[in-house]
């Protein structure tokens, strides 16, 4: 059974990847799923028992692998970290490892092409210019809107890759996979580049740049660092000035952003079913379970145990 072969890709009971007979897997490191040709009967993902758990869960999931979703029809509304996105035809969503995701709503006619990369097997970043573009784009958003022609170009790459990987007599699948991923990476960089340049032109103020740097630092350190002072030191600012800047740009203070990232992680860990409250407290660098309980209840309104058991 396919799901039994993908335990290295599951994170916190994330068992909701829709596979079919036309999907392909390479060495449990790369997955390409979904009907790219429109020739198969459309499945209602909301009624499929293999996908219902994730798509209808009221709780977030911690995702330990990179993903790309390309929507070819219908709609899907998701929350990734603290942002909400609605996918429709020609929407491409990039999900990085460590993200916390939740499906909020999906239409019965939603058609998604799905790519997943196991840890350590992501897009190559040999082109430093392309890597910078991708990082700057993803620091601000994760959804890329394509034209019909651009979607067709991406699908052409994926179809060619799928055809090679599905050939039982083809001996050099690893080499071909790396090559096609490089092509796909270059295509995505090309699509993101003008958007990043436009963003830089609109948001080139020092305050906006500081906000972007703060969010980048927060995404990297929130599991272990919760003080505004830590992030202010990283940015060579005073805590007071950092909070003023963050509030001026986003309408929320730096401490609010830190708390929300920590709580989002805590919720995903508690609902995973894999960790005790004490273990979650340890993973999030709280001095003890009691401190974690007070922090969590103040933000959520109930204790970690009550949330875990709800």
Protein backbone atom coordinates (compact mmCIF):
# COMPACT_ATOMS: atom_id res chain seq x y z
CA UNK A 1 0.00 0.00 0.00
CA UNK A 2 1.42 3.38 -1.01
CA UNK A 3 0.87 5.15 2.31
CA UNK A 4 2.79 2.40 4.11
CA UNK A 5 5.83 3.26 1.98
CA UNK A 6 5.76 6.94 2.87
CA UNK A 7 6.32 7.02 6.59
CA UNK A 8 9.43 9.16 6.12
CA UNK A 9 7.23 11.82 4.54
CA UNK A 10 4.48 11.83 7.16
CA UNK A 11 4.73 14.47 9.85
CA UNK A 12 2.55 14.39 12.93
CA UNK A 13 0.04 11.93 11.49
CA UNK A 14 -0.18 13.77 8.19
CA UNK A 15 -1.73 10.90 6.26
CA UNK A 16 -3.69 12.62 3.58
CA UNK A 17 -1.78 12.56 0.30
CA UNK A 18 -4.15 11.58 -2.53
CA UNK A 19 -2.55 8.92 -4.70
CA UNK A 20 -3.86 7.11 -7.73
CA UNK A 21 -2.68 4.65 -10.31
CA UNK A 22 -1.13 7.37 -12.47
CA UNK A 23 1.02 8.79 -9.64
CA UNK A 24 4.69 7.95 -9.23
CA UNK A 25 7.22 7.67 -6.39
CA UNK A 26 11.00 7.61 -6.67
CA UNK A 27 12.95 5.92 -3.86
CA UNK A 28 10.59 7.35 -1.22
CA UNK A 29 12.30 10.71 -1.78
CA UNK A 30 10.18 12.26 -4.51
CA UNK A 31 6.46 11.98 -5.20
CA UNK A 32 4.48 13.24 -8.16
CA UNK A 33 0.73 12.77 -7.76
CA UNK A 34 -2.39 13.94 -9.56
CA UNK A 35 -3.95 13.68 -12.99
CA UNK A 36 -1.97 16.03 -15.23
CA UNK A 37 -3.77 15.00 -18.41
CA UNK A 38 -7.40 15.36 -17.40
CA UNK A 39 -8.14 11.89 -18.75
CA UNK A 40 -9.12 10.17 -15.50
CA UNK A 41 -12.50 10.45 -13.75
CA UNK A 42 -12.28 13.21 -11.19
CA UNK A 43 -12.21 12.06 -7.57
CA UNK A 44 -14.09 13.92 -4.86
CA UNK A 45 -11.19 14.34 -2.41
CA UNK A 46 -13.58 15.28 0.39
CA UNK A 47 -15.28 11.88 0.25
CA UNK A 48 -12.15 9.79 -0.33
CA UNK A 49 -11.31 7.95 2.94
CA UNK A 50 -7.56 8.29 2.25
CA UNK A 51 -7.77 12.10 2.17
CA UNK A 52 -10.70 12.92 4.42
CA UNK A 53 -8.66 12.91 7.66
CA UNK A 54 -6.38 15.76 6.60
CA UNK A 55 -8.85 17.72 4.47
CA UNK A 56 -11.53 17.85 7.16
CA UNK A 57 -9.35 18.05 10.28
CA UNK A 58 -9.96 21.17 12.41
CA UNK A 59 -6.35 21.00 13.60
CA UNK A 60 -3.07 21.99 11.91
CA UNK A 61 -0.32 19.59 10.84
CA UNK A 62 3.45 20.05 11.04
CA UNK A 63 4.93 19.31 7.62
CA UNK A 64 8.47 17.96 7.50
CA UNK A 65 8.96 17.92 3.75
CA UNK A 66 8.78 20.36 0.85
CA UNK A 67 5.65 20.40 -1.30
CA UNK A 68 4.28 22.10 -4.37
CA UNK A 69 0.56 22.17 -5.13
CA UNK A 70 -0.58 23.19 -8.63
CA UNK A 71 -4.34 23.70 -8.85
CA UNK A 72 -5.89 22.82 -12.22
CA UNK A 73 -9.52 23.35 -11.26
CA UNK A 74 -11.93 23.92 -8.42
CA UNK A 75 -10.86 25.68 -5.23
CA UNK A 76 -8.96 24.88 -2.07
CA UNK A 77 -8.47 27.21 0.92
CA UNK A 78 -5.54 26.49 3.21
CA UNK A 79 -3.70 28.03 6.11
CA UNK A 80 0.09 27.89 6.04
CA UNK A 81 1.80 29.12 9.17
CA UNK A 82 -0.10 32.35 9.92
CA UNK A 83 -1.31 33.10 6.39
CA UNK A 84 -4.39 31.93 4.50
CA UNK A 85 -4.39 31.17 0.78
CA UNK A 86 -7.10 30.24 -1.70
CA UNK A 87 -6.01 28.05 -4.58
CA UNK A 88 -7.94 28.07 -7.84
CA UNK A 89 -7.09 27.28 -11.45
CA UNK A 90 -3.45 28.20 -12.18
CA UNK A 91 -2.50 28.71 -8.51
CA UNK A 92 0.85 27.27 -7.41
CA UNK A 93 1.49 26.94 -3.67
CA UNK A 94 4.98 26.28 -2.28
CA UNK A 95 5.23 24.65 1.16
CA UNK A 96 8.63 24.55 2.84
CA UNK A 97 9.74 21.95 5.43
CA UNK A 98 8.77 22.92 8.95
CA UNK A 99 5.61 24.71 7.85
CA UNK A 100 2.40 24.19 9.77
CA UNK A 101 -0.54 23.67 7.44
CA UNK A 102 -4.26 23.11 7.57
CA UNK A 103 -6.87 22.61 4.88
CA UNK A 104 -9.76 24.96 5.65
CA UNK A 105 -12.06 24.27 2.71
CA UNK A 106 -11.98 22.34 -0.56
CA UNK A 107 -14.49 22.08 -3.40
CA UNK A 108 -15.65 18.68 -4.62
CA UNK A 109 -14.26 19.42 -8.10
CA UNK A 110 -10.81 20.47 -6.87
CA UNK A 111 -8.04 19.07 -9.10
CA UNK A 112 -4.52 19.29 -7.68
CA UNK A 113 -1.14 18.17 -9.00
CA UNK A 114 1.03 17.46 -6.00
CA UNK A 115 4.82 17.23 -5.68
CA UNK A 116 6.61 16.24 -2.46
CA UNK A 117 10.32 16.09 -1.64
CA UNK A 118 11.67 14.12 1.29
CA UNK A 119 14.09 15.90 3.60
CA UNK A 120 17.43 16.49 1.94
CA UNK A 121 16.00 16.08 -1.55
CA UNK A 122 14.72 19.49 -2.46
CA UNK A 123 15.24 21.87 -5.36
CA UNK A 124 18.90 22.49 -6.19
CA UNK A 125 20.24 25.94 -5.37
CA UNK A 126 23.33 26.12 -7.51
CA UNK A 127 22.11 29.40 -9.05
CA UNK A 128 22.61 31.94 -6.27
CA UNK A 129 20.49 34.56 -8.04
CA UNK A 130 17.60 32.12 -8.33
CA UNK A 131 17.96 31.02 -4.71
CA UNK A 132 17.81 34.64 -3.55
CA UNK A 133 14.68 35.26 -5.61
CA UNK A 134 12.94 32.20 -4.18
CA UNK A 135 13.87 33.07 -0.60
CA UNK A 136 12.70 36.67 -0.95
CA UNK A 137 9.42 35.57 -2.54
CA UNK A 138 8.69 32.93 0.10
CA UNK A 139 9.57 35.31 2.93
CA UNK A 140 6.50 37.34 1.97
CA UNK A 141 4.08 34.83 0.49
CA UNK A 142 3.79 31.25 -0.73
CA UNK A 143 1.19 31.47 -3.51
CA UNK A 144 2.13 32.11 -7.12
CA UNK A 145 -0.59 32.92 -9.66
CA UNK A 146 0.14 31.66 -13.19
CA UNK A 147 -1.36 32.23 -16.60
CA UNK A 148 -2.76 29.35 -18.66
CA UNK A 149 0.43 29.36 -20.75
CA UNK A 150 2.67 29.30 -17.67
CA UNK A 151 0.69 26.44 -16.16
CA UNK A 152 1.05 24.51 -19.41
CA UNK A 153 4.84 25.02 -19.30
CA UNK A 154 5.04 23.68 -15.75
CA UNK A 155 2.81 20.72 -16.64
CA UNK A 156 4.97 19.91 -19.66
CA UNK A 157 8.01 19.57 -17.38
CA UNK A 158 6.10 17.41 -14.91
CA UNK A 159 4.63 15.16 -17.60
CA UNK A 160 8.05 14.56 -19.13
CA UNK A 161 9.49 13.75 -15.71
CA UNK A 162 6.59 11.43 -14.86
CA UNK A 163 6.96 9.54 -18.13
CA UNK A 164 10.64 8.87 -17.46
CA UNK A 165 10.14 7.82 -13.84
CA UNK A 166 7.30 5.48 -14.75
CA UNK A 167 9.31 3.61 -17.37
CA UNK A 168 10.44 0.34 -15.74
CA UNK A 169 13.28 -0.08 -18.27
CA UNK A 170 14.77 3.39 -17.77
CA UNK A 171 18.06 3.04 -15.88
CA UNK A 172 19.06 6.64 -15.16
CA UNK A 173 16.05 7.91 -13.25
CA UNK A 174 18.08 9.66 -10.55
CA UNK A 175 20.03 11.69 -13.11
CA UNK A 176 16.89 12.55 -15.06
CA UNK A 177 15.06 13.56 -11.89
CA UNK A 178 17.81 15.98 -10.89
CA UNK A 179 17.86 17.45 -14.39
CA UNK A 180 14.12 18.00 -14.60
CA UNK A 181 14.03 19.43 -11.09
CA UNK A 182 16.68 21.93 -12.13
CA UNK A 183 14.53 22.91 -15.11
CA UNK A 184 11.44 23.23 -12.90
CA UNK A 185 13.40 25.26 -10.36
CA UNK A 186 14.58 27.62 -13.09
CA UNK A 187 11.03 27.98 -14.39
CA UNK A 188 9.72 28.86 -10.93
CA UNK A 189 12.57 31.35 -10.40
CA UNK A 190 11.67 32.98 -13.71
CA UNK A 191 8.02 33.28 -12.65
CA UNK A 192 8.87 34.71 -9.23
CA UNK A 193 11.52 37.20 -10.41
CA UNK A 194 9.26 40.01 -11.71
CA UNK A 195 7.01 39.71 -8.66
CA UNK A 196 9.98 40.00 -6.30
CA UNK A 197 11.27 43.03 -8.20
CA UNK A 198 7.85 44.67 -8.02
CA UNK A 199 7.64 43.93 -4.30
CA UNK A 200 11.06 45.43 -3.72
CA UNK A 201 10.03 48.57 -5.59
CA UNK A 202 6.81 48.94 -3.57
CA UNK A 203 8.18 47.93 -0.20
CA UNK A 204 11.72 49.21 -0.29
CA UNK A 205 11.45 51.21 2.93
CA UNK A 206 13.82 50.41 5.77
CA UNK A 207 10.92 49.50 8.05
CA UNK A 208 9.58 46.95 5.58
CA UNK A 209 13.05 45.47 5.17
CA UNK A 210 13.40 45.17 8.95
CA UNK A 211 10.00 43.48 9.18
CA UNK A 212 11.00 40.94 6.51
CA UNK A 213 14.26 40.23 8.34
CA UNK A 214 12.41 39.85 11.65
CA UNK A 215 10.00 37.30 10.15
CA UNK A 216 12.91 35.38 8.62
CA UNK A 217 14.68 35.25 11.99
CA UNK A 218 11.43 34.31 13.74
CA UNK A 219 10.78 31.38 11.42
CA UNK A 220 14.24 30.07 12.16
CA UNK A 221 14.32 30.51 15.94
CA UNK A 222 10.76 30.65 17.35
CA UNK A 223 10.91 27.09 18.70
CA UNK A 224 13.73 28.05 21.06
CA UNK A 225 13.62 31.85 21.44
CA UNK A 226 10.56 33.80 22.61
CA UNK A 227 12.01 37.12 23.80
CA UNK A 228 11.77 40.29 21.72
CA UNK A 229 15.28 41.10 22.94
CA UNK A 230 16.76 38.08 21.17
CA UNK A 231 15.40 39.17 17.79
CA UNK A 232 16.31 42.80 18.43
CA UNK A 233 19.91 41.70 19.09
CA UNK A 234 19.92 39.66 15.88
CA UNK A 235 18.85 42.79 13.97
CA UNK A 236 21.11 45.17 15.93
CA UNK A 237 18.12 47.13 17.26
CA UNK A 238 16.65 47.93 20.66
CA UNK A 239 13.61 45.83 21.66
CA UNK A 240 11.46 48.97 21.89
CA UNK A 241 12.39 50.16 18.40
CA UNK A 242 11.89 46.69 16.91
CA UNK A 243 8.37 46.47 18.34
CA UNK A 244 7.57 49.96 17.06
CA UNK A 245 8.76 49.03 13.57
CA UNK A 246 6.86 45.74 13.51
CA UNK A 247 3.69 47.47 14.68
CA UNK A 248 4.06 50.24 12.10
CA UNK A 249 4.33 47.72 9.27
CA UNK A 250 1.90 45.00 10.38
CA UNK A 251 -0.36 46.53 13.02
CA UNK A 252 0.83 43.95 15.54
CA UNK A 253 3.73 44.02 17.97
CA UNK A 254 6.80 41.76 17.75
CA UNK A 255 5.71 39.86 20.86
CA UNK A 256 2.37 39.04 19.22
CA UNK A 257 4.11 37.53 16.20
CA UNK A 258 6.43 35.48 18.41
CA UNK A 259 3.55 34.18 20.54
CA UNK A 260 1.46 33.20 17.52
CA UNK A 261 4.30 31.21 15.94
CA UNK A 262 4.98 29.39 19.21
CA UNK A 263 1.30 28.61 19.81
CA UNK A 264 0.79 27.40 16.25
CA UNK A 265 3.69 24.99 16.68
CA UNK A 266 2.42 23.89 20.08
CA UNK A 267 -1.05 23.14 18.72
CA UNK A 268 0.35 21.02 15.90
CA UNK A 269 2.60 19.08 18.27
CA UNK A 270 -0.17 18.49 20.82
CA UNK A 271 -2.63 17.28 18.19
CA UNK A 272 -0.08 14.99 16.56
CA UNK A 273 -0.73 12.29 19.14
CA UNK A 274 3.01 11.59 19.30
CA UNK A 275 4.07 13.75 22.24
CA UNK A 276 3.07 14.37 25.84
CA UNK A 277 2.52 17.89 27.14
CA UNK A 278 5.88 17.64 28.92
CA UNK A 279 7.63 16.67 25.70
CA UNK A 280 6.03 19.58 23.82
CA UNK A 281 7.15 21.94 26.58
CA UNK A 282 10.70 20.60 26.23
CA UNK A 283 10.63 20.85 22.42
CA UNK A 284 9.59 24.50 22.64
CA UNK A 285 12.30 25.30 25.22
CA UNK A 286 10.06 26.07 28.19
CA UNK A 287 11.66 25.73 31.63
CA UNK A 288 9.01 23.23 32.66
CA UNK A 289 5.50 22.02 31.91
CA UNK A 290 3.95 24.53 34.31
CA UNK A 291 5.44 27.55 32.52
CA UNK A 292 4.30 26.11 29.20
CA UNK A 293 0.79 25.57 30.57
CA UNK A 294 0.48 29.18 31.75
CA UNK A 295 1.82 30.51 28.42
CA UNK A 296 -0.51 28.29 26.37
CA UNK A 297 -3.65 28.96 28.44
CA UNK A 298 -3.10 32.72 28.32
CA UNK A 299 -2.97 32.60 24.52
CA UNK A 300 -5.55 29.90 23.77
CA UNK A 301 -7.92 30.01 26.71
CA UNK A 302 -7.52 26.41 27.79
CA UNK A 303 -4.73 24.20 29.12
CA UNK A 304 -2.46 22.19 26.78
CA UNK A 305 -3.99 18.98 28.13
CA UNK A 306 -7.54 20.16 27.46
CA UNK A 307 -6.58 21.21 23.93
CA UNK A 308 -4.77 17.93 23.30
CA UNK A 309 -7.78 15.89 24.43
CA UNK A 310 -10.45 17.98 22.72
